[in-house]
Amino acid sequence: MSHTPGPWKAHFANYTTVHTVDGDETVATIDSGILWGRAVSEADANADLIAAAPDLLEACKAIDEAL
């Protein structure tokens, strides 16, 4: 399985985006969802979760190896 290597960082602006830390690649763009009744804070929380994905993957791999 391949993916964009981390670390990733969330950037909060008109659209919430997740970029590689060096800023070379956009990993995700998250619409705030205001038109659908979702709060901007929900989009920000989703971006934080997406940005954590590389670290979460490494943690899962470590747990799998320990079991």
PDB file of N, CA and C in Angstrom:
ATOM      1  N   MET A   1       0.861  -1.169   0.000  1.00  0.00           N
ATOM      2  CA  MET A   1       0.000   0.000   0.000  1.00  0.00           C
ATOM      3  C   MET A   1       0.905   1.229   0.000  1.00  0.00           C
ATOM      4  N   SER A   2       0.625   2.175  -0.891  1.00  0.00           N
ATOM      5  CA  SER A   2       1.432   3.389  -0.917  1.00  0.00           C
ATOM      6  C   SER A   2       0.555   4.599  -0.581  1.00  0.00           C
ATOM      7  N   HIS A   3       1.209   5.602  -0.050  1.00  0.00           N
ATOM      8  CA  HIS A   3       0.525   6.846   0.291  1.00  0.00           C
ATOM      9  C   HIS A   3       1.553   7.967   0.297  1.00  0.00           C
ATOM     10  N   THR A   4       1.087   9.183   0.380  1.00  0.00           N
ATOM     11  CA  THR A   4       1.984  10.323   0.474  1.00  0.00           C
ATOM     12  C   THR A   4       2.666  10.279   1.824  1.00  0.00           C
ATOM     13  N   PRO A   5       3.978  10.244   1.861  1.00  0.00           N
ATOM     14  CA  PRO A   5       4.678  10.165   3.140  1.00  0.00           C
ATOM     15  C   PRO A   5       4.382  11.370   4.030  1.00  0.00           C
ATOM     16  N   GLY A   6       4.304  11.129   5.322  1.00  0.00           N
ATOM     17  CA  GLY A   6       4.101  12.192   6.301  1.00  0.00           C
ATOM     18  C   GLY A   6       5.427  12.850   6.622  1.00  0.00           C
ATOM     19  N   PRO A   7       5.446  13.795   7.504  1.00  0.00           N
ATOM     20  CA  PRO A   7       4.277  14.260   8.250  1.00  0.00           C
ATOM     21  C   PRO A   7       3.399  15.190   7.422  1.00  0.00           C
ATOM     22  N   TRP A   8       2.138  15.265   7.828  1.00  0.00           N
ATOM     23  CA  TRP A   8       1.156  16.139   7.199  1.00  0.00           C
ATOM     24  C   TRP A   8       0.733  17.198   8.206  1.00  0.00           C
ATOM     25  N   LYS A   9       0.256  18.335   7.703  1.00  0.00           N
ATOM     26  CA  LYS A   9      -0.176  19.429   8.573  1.00  0.00           C
ATOM     27  C   LYS A   9      -1.468  20.024   8.027  1.00  0.00           C
ATOM     28  N   ALA A  10      -2.421  20.285   8.923  1.00  0.00           N
ATOM     29  CA  ALA A  10      -3.677  20.936   8.530  1.00  0.00           C
ATOM     30  C   ALA A  10      -3.438  22.441   8.415  1.00  0.00           C
ATOM     31  N   HIS A  11      -4.074  23.052   7.426  1.00  0.00           N
ATOM     32  CA  HIS A  11      -4.009  24.501   7.219  1.00  0.00           C
ATOM     33  C   HIS A  11      -5.449  24.996   7.150  1.00  0.00           C
ATOM     34  N   PHE A  12      -5.770  25.947   7.999  1.00  0.00           N
ATOM     35  CA  PHE A  12      -7.152  26.418   8.107  1.00  0.00           C
ATOM     36  C   PHE A  12      -7.288  27.781   7.439  1.00  0.00           C
ATOM     37  N   ALA A  13      -8.144  27.836   6.411  1.00  0.00           N
ATOM     38  CA  ALA A  13      -8.414  29.071   5.675  1.00  0.00           C
ATOM     39  C   ALA A  13      -9.846  28.981   5.162  1.00  0.00           C
ATOM     40  N   ASN A  14     -10.132  29.568   3.990  1.00  0.00           N
ATOM     41  CA  ASN A  14     -11.491  29.477   3.432  1.00  0.00           C
ATOM     42  C   ASN A  14     -11.907  28.020   3.262  1.00  0.00           C
ATOM     43  N   TYR A  15     -11.005  27.222   2.722  1.00  0.00           N
ATOM     44  CA  TYR A  15     -11.167  25.779   2.679  1.00  0.00           C
ATOM     45  C   TYR A  15     -10.078  25.213   3.561  1.00  0.00           C
ATOM     46  N   THR A  16     -10.412  24.225   4.332  1.00  0.00           N
ATOM     47  CA  THR A  16      -9.419  23.583   5.175  1.00  0.00           C
ATOM     48  C   THR A  16      -8.673  22.576   4.316  1.00  0.00           C
ATOM     49  N   THR A  17      -7.356  22.635   4.343  1.00  0.00           N
ATOM     50  CA  THR A  17      -6.559  21.719   3.546  1.00  0.00           C
ATOM     51  C   THR A  17      -5.555  20.990   4.430  1.00  0.00           C
ATOM     52  N   VAL A  18      -5.121  19.852   3.947  1.00  0.00           N
ATOM     53  CA  VAL A  18      -4.055  19.104   4.597  1.00  0.00           C
ATOM     54  C   VAL A  18      -2.930  18.990   3.576  1.00  0.00           C
ATOM     55  N   HIS A  19      -1.734  19.425   3.967  1.00  0.00           N
ATOM     56  CA  HIS A  19      -0.565  19.427   3.093  1.00  0.00           C
ATOM     57  C   HIS A  19       0.538  18.589   3.715  1.00  0.00           C
ATOM     58  N   THR A  20       1.471  18.174   2.873  1.00  0.00           N
ATOM     59  CA  THR A  20       2.712  17.653   3.421  1.00  0.00           C
ATOM     60  C   THR A  20       3.374  18.820   4.147  1.00  0.00           C
ATOM     61  N   VAL A  21       4.180  18.532   5.150  1.00  0.00           N
ATOM     62  CA  VAL A  21       4.775  19.598   5.953  1.00  0.00           C
ATOM     63  C   VAL A  21       5.626  20.533   5.105  1.00  0.00           C
ATOM     64  N   ASP A  22       6.282  20.008   4.080  1.00  0.00           N
ATOM     65  CA  ASP A  22       7.088  20.884   3.228  1.00  0.00           C
ATOM     66  C   ASP A  22       6.229  21.710   2.272  1.00  0.00           C
ATOM     67  N   GLY A  23       4.903  21.437   2.252  1.00  0.00           N
ATOM     68  CA  GLY A  23       3.980  22.220   1.438  1.00  0.00           C
ATOM     69  C   GLY A  23       3.967  21.867  -0.033  1.00  0.00           C
ATOM     70  N   ASP A  24       4.720  20.842  -0.426  1.00  0.00           N
ATOM     71  CA  ASP A  24       4.812  20.484  -1.837  1.00  0.00           C
ATOM     72  C   ASP A  24       3.565  19.799  -2.384  1.00  0.00           C
ATOM     73  N   GLU A  25       2.797  19.163  -1.520  1.00  0.00           N
ATOM     74  CA  GLU A  25       1.664  18.382  -2.010  1.00  0.00           C
ATOM     75  C   GLU A  25       0.441  18.573  -1.118  1.00  0.00           C
ATOM     76  N   THR A  26      -0.720  18.794  -1.748  1.00  0.00           N
ATOM     77  CA  THR A  26      -1.979  18.835  -1.016  1.00  0.00           C
ATOM     78  C   THR A  26      -2.495  17.415  -0.898  1.00  0.00           C
ATOM     79  N   VAL A  27      -2.743  16.982   0.325  1.00  0.00           N
ATOM     80  CA  VAL A  27      -3.223  15.634   0.582  1.00  0.00           C
ATOM     81  C   VAL A  27      -4.749  15.601   0.535  1.00  0.00           C
ATOM     82  N   ALA A  28      -5.390  16.641   1.064  1.00  0.00           N
ATOM     83  CA  ALA A  28      -6.855  16.682   1.108  1.00  0.00           C
ATOM     84  C   ALA A  28      -7.330  18.121   1.200  1.00  0.00           C
ATOM     85  N   THR A  29      -8.513  18.373   0.667  1.00  0.00           N
ATOM     86  CA  THR A  29      -9.208  19.644   0.838  1.00  0.00           C
ATOM     87  C   THR A  29     -10.561  19.325   1.440  1.00  0.00           C
ATOM     88  N   ILE A  30     -10.879  19.965   2.543  1.00  0.00           N
ATOM     89  CA  ILE A  30     -12.109  19.683   3.274  1.00  0.00           C
ATOM     90  C   ILE A  30     -12.991  20.923   3.233  1.00  0.00           C
ATOM     91  N   ASP A  31     -14.156  20.799   2.632  1.00  0.00           N
ATOM     92  CA  ASP A  31     -15.119  21.900   2.600  1.00  0.00           C
ATOM     93  C   ASP A  31     -15.665  22.076   4.011  1.00  0.00           C
ATOM     94  N   SER A  32     -15.864  23.310   4.426  1.00  0.00           N
ATOM     95  CA  SER A  32     -16.358  23.553   5.783  1.00  0.00           C
ATOM     96  C   SER A  32     -17.761  23.000   5.986  1.00  0.00           C
ATOM     97  N   GLY A  33     -18.511  22.809   4.914  1.00  0.00           N
ATOM     98  CA  GLY A  33     -19.830  22.210   5.041  1.00  0.00           C
ATOM     99  C   GLY A  33     -20.901  23.143   5.564  1.00  0.00           C
ATOM    100  N   ILE A  34     -20.631  24.434   5.586  1.00  0.00           N
ATOM    101  CA  ILE A  34     -21.615  25.382   6.103  1.00  0.00           C
ATOM    102  C   ILE A  34     -22.924  25.275   5.332  1.00  0.00           C
ATOM    103  N   LEU A  35     -22.827  25.054   4.031  1.00  0.00           N
ATOM    104  CA  LEU A  35     -24.041  24.937   3.226  1.00  0.00           C
ATOM    105  C   LEU A  35     -24.879  23.721   3.608  1.00  0.00           C
ATOM    106  N   TRP A  36     -24.250  22.732   4.231  1.00  0.00           N
ATOM    107  CA  TRP A  36     -24.959  21.513   4.626  1.00  0.00           C
ATOM    108  C   TRP A  36     -25.235  21.479   6.122  1.00  0.00           C
ATOM    109  N   GLY A  37     -25.026  22.596   6.791  1.00  0.00           N
ATOM    110  CA  GLY A  37     -25.361  22.698   8.206  1.00  0.00           C
ATOM    111  C   GLY A  37     -24.299  22.172   9.153  1.00  0.00           C
ATOM    112  N   ARG A  38     -23.104  21.901   8.655  1.00  0.00           N
ATOM    113  CA  ARG A  38     -22.025  21.453   9.540  1.00  0.00           C
ATOM    114  C   ARG A  38     -21.219  22.664   9.980  1.00  0.00           C
ATOM    115  N   ALA A  39     -20.671  22.579  11.146  1.00  0.00           N
ATOM    116  CA  ALA A  39     -19.867  23.677  11.678  1.00  0.00           C
ATOM    117  C   ALA A  39     -18.460  23.640  11.094  1.00  0.00           C
ATOM    118  N   VAL A  40     -17.838  24.800  11.022  1.00  0.00           N
ATOM    119  CA  VAL A  40     -16.453  24.885  10.568  1.00  0.00           C
ATOM    120  C   VAL A  40     -15.569  24.052  11.493  1.00  0.00           C
ATOM    121  N   SER A  41     -15.894  24.012  12.769  1.00  0.00           N
ATOM    122  CA  SER A  41     -15.091  23.238  13.712  1.00  0.00           C
ATOM    123  C   SER A  41     -15.074  21.755  13.345  1.00  0.00           C
ATOM    124  N   GLU A  42     -16.150  21.256  12.748  1.00  0.00           N
ATOM    125  CA  GLU A  42     -16.181  19.858  12.308  1.00  0.00           C
ATOM    126  C   GLU A  42     -15.182  19.636  11.175  1.00  0.00           C
ATOM    127  N   ALA A  43     -15.131  20.541  10.228  1.00  0.00           N
ATOM    128  CA  ALA A  43     -14.167  20.437   9.130  1.00  0.00           C
ATOM    129  C   ALA A  43     -12.747  20.521   9.671  1.00  0.00           C
ATOM    130  N   ASP A  44     -12.515  21.408  10.620  1.00  0.00           N
ATOM    131  CA  ASP A  44     -11.187  21.532  11.223  1.00  0.00           C
ATOM    132  C   ASP A  44     -10.792  20.250  11.951  1.00  0.00           C
ATOM    133  N   ALA A  45     -11.741  19.647  12.669  1.00  0.00           N
ATOM    134  CA  ALA A  45     -11.463  18.388  13.368  1.00  0.00           C
ATOM    135  C   ALA A  45     -11.169  17.273  12.370  1.00  0.00           C
ATOM    136  N   ASN A  46     -11.909  17.235  11.264  1.00  0.00           N
ATOM    137  CA  ASN A  46     -11.649  16.238  10.227  1.00  0.00           C
ATOM    138  C   ASN A  46     -10.254  16.424   9.630  1.00  0.00           C
ATOM    139  N   ALA A  47      -9.865  17.678   9.411  1.00  0.00           N
ATOM    140  CA  ALA A  47      -8.532  17.957   8.871  1.00  0.00           C
ATOM    141  C   ALA A  47      -7.443  17.503   9.842  1.00  0.00           C
ATOM    142  N   ASP A  48      -7.642  17.756  11.129  1.00  0.00           N
ATOM    143  CA  ASP A  48      -6.664  17.311  12.124  1.00  0.00           C
ATOM    144  C   ASP A  48      -6.540  15.789  12.120  1.00  0.00           C
ATOM    145  N   LEU A  49      -7.666  15.094  11.987  1.00  0.00           N
ATOM    146  CA  LEU A  49      -7.652  13.630  11.951  1.00  0.00           C
ATOM    147  C   LEU A  49      -6.930  13.131  10.697  1.00  0.00           C
ATOM    148  N   ILE A  50      -7.219  13.731   9.553  1.00  0.00           N
ATOM    149  CA  ILE A  50      -6.547  13.341   8.314  1.00  0.00           C
ATOM    150  C   ILE A  50      -5.049  13.608   8.418  1.00  0.00           C
ATOM    151  N   ALA A  51      -4.676  14.764   8.968  1.00  0.00           N
ATOM    152  CA  ALA A  51      -3.255  15.112   9.108  1.00  0.00           C
ATOM    153  C   ALA A  51      -2.519  14.125  10.011  1.00  0.00           C
ATOM    154  N   ALA A  52      -3.226  13.511  10.941  1.00  0.00           N
ATOM    155  CA  ALA A  52      -2.616  12.548  11.864  1.00  0.00           C
ATOM    156  C   ALA A  52      -2.475  11.157  11.252  1.00  0.00           C
ATOM    157  N   ALA A  53      -3.021  10.919  10.073  1.00  0.00           N
ATOM    158  CA  ALA A  53      -3.055   9.579   9.473  1.00  0.00           C
ATOM    159  C   ALA A  53      -1.685   8.898   9.385  1.00  0.00           C
ATOM    160  N   PRO A  54      -0.627   9.579   8.931  1.00  0.00           N
ATOM    161  CA  PRO A  54       0.668   8.879   8.878  1.00  0.00           C
ATOM    162  C   PRO A  54       1.137   8.411  10.262  1.00  0.00           C
ATOM    163  N   ASP A  55       0.944   9.233  11.287  1.00  0.00           N
ATOM    164  CA  ASP A  55       1.333   8.846  12.646  1.00  0.00           C
ATOM    165  C   ASP A  55       0.460   7.707  13.161  1.00  0.00           C
ATOM    166  N   LEU A  56      -0.829   7.762  12.854  1.00  0.00           N
ATOM    167  CA  LEU A  56      -1.736   6.685  13.279  1.00  0.00           C
ATOM    168  C   LEU A  56      -1.364   5.365  12.602  1.00  0.00           C
ATOM    169  N   LEU A  57      -0.985   5.428  11.320  1.00  0.00           N
ATOM    170  CA  LEU A  57      -0.566   4.220  10.611  1.00  0.00           C
ATOM    171  C   LEU A  57       0.666   3.607  11.273  1.00  0.00           C
ATOM    172  N   GLU A  58       1.639   4.429  11.609  1.00  0.00           N
ATOM    173  CA  GLU A  58       2.851   3.921  12.263  1.00  0.00           C
ATOM    174  C   GLU A  58       2.525   3.319  13.626  1.00  0.00           C
ATOM    175  N   ALA A  59       1.612   3.937  14.375  1.00  0.00           N
ATOM    176  CA  ALA A  59       1.212   3.396  15.678  1.00  0.00           C
ATOM    177  C   ALA A  59       0.531   2.039  15.521  1.00  0.00           C
ATOM    178  N   CYS A  60      -0.321   1.922  14.517  1.00  0.00           N
ATOM    179  CA  CYS A  60      -1.004   0.631  14.264  1.00  0.00           C
ATOM    180  C   CYS A  60       0.002  -0.455  13.878  1.00  0.00           C
ATOM    181  N   LYS A  61       0.983  -0.098  13.060  1.00  0.00           N
ATOM    182  CA  LYS A  61       2.010  -1.062  12.672  1.00  0.00           C
ATOM    183  C   LYS A  61       2.813  -1.520  13.895  1.00  0.00           C
ATOM    184  N   ALA A  62       3.136  -0.591  14.790  1.00  0.00           N
ATOM    185  CA  ALA A  62       3.896  -0.932  15.988  1.00  0.00           C
ATOM    186  C   ALA A  62       3.093  -1.867  16.895  1.00  0.00           C
ATOM    187  N   ILE A  63       1.814  -1.590  17.035  1.00  0.00           N
ATOM    188  CA  ILE A  63       0.951  -2.446  17.856  1.00  0.00           C
ATOM    189  C   ILE A  63       0.847  -3.837  17.244  1.00  0.00           C
ATOM    190  N   ASP A  64       0.688  -3.883  15.916  1.00  0.00           N
ATOM    191  CA  ASP A  64       0.583  -5.171  15.224  1.00  0.00           C
ATOM    192  C   ASP A  64       1.850  -6.004  15.433  1.00  0.00           C
ATOM    193  N   GLU A  65       3.007  -5.358  15.341  1.00  0.00           N
ATOM    194  CA  GLU A  65       4.268  -6.076  15.543  1.00  0.00           C
ATOM    195  C   GLU A  65       4.427  -6.559  16.974  1.00  0.00           C
ATOM    196  N   ALA A  66       3.886  -5.782  17.940  1.00  0.00           N
ATOM    197  CA  ALA A  66       4.013  -6.142  19.351  1.00  0.00           C
ATOM    198  C   ALA A  66       3.108  -7.318  19.716  1.00  0.00           C
ATOM    199  N   LEU A  67       2.034  -7.523  18.957  1.00  0.00           N
ATOM    200  CA  LEU A  67       1.113  -8.611  19.274  1.00  0.00           C
ATOM    201  C   LEU A  67       1.597  -9.870  18.712  1.00  0.00           C
TER     202      LEU A  67
END
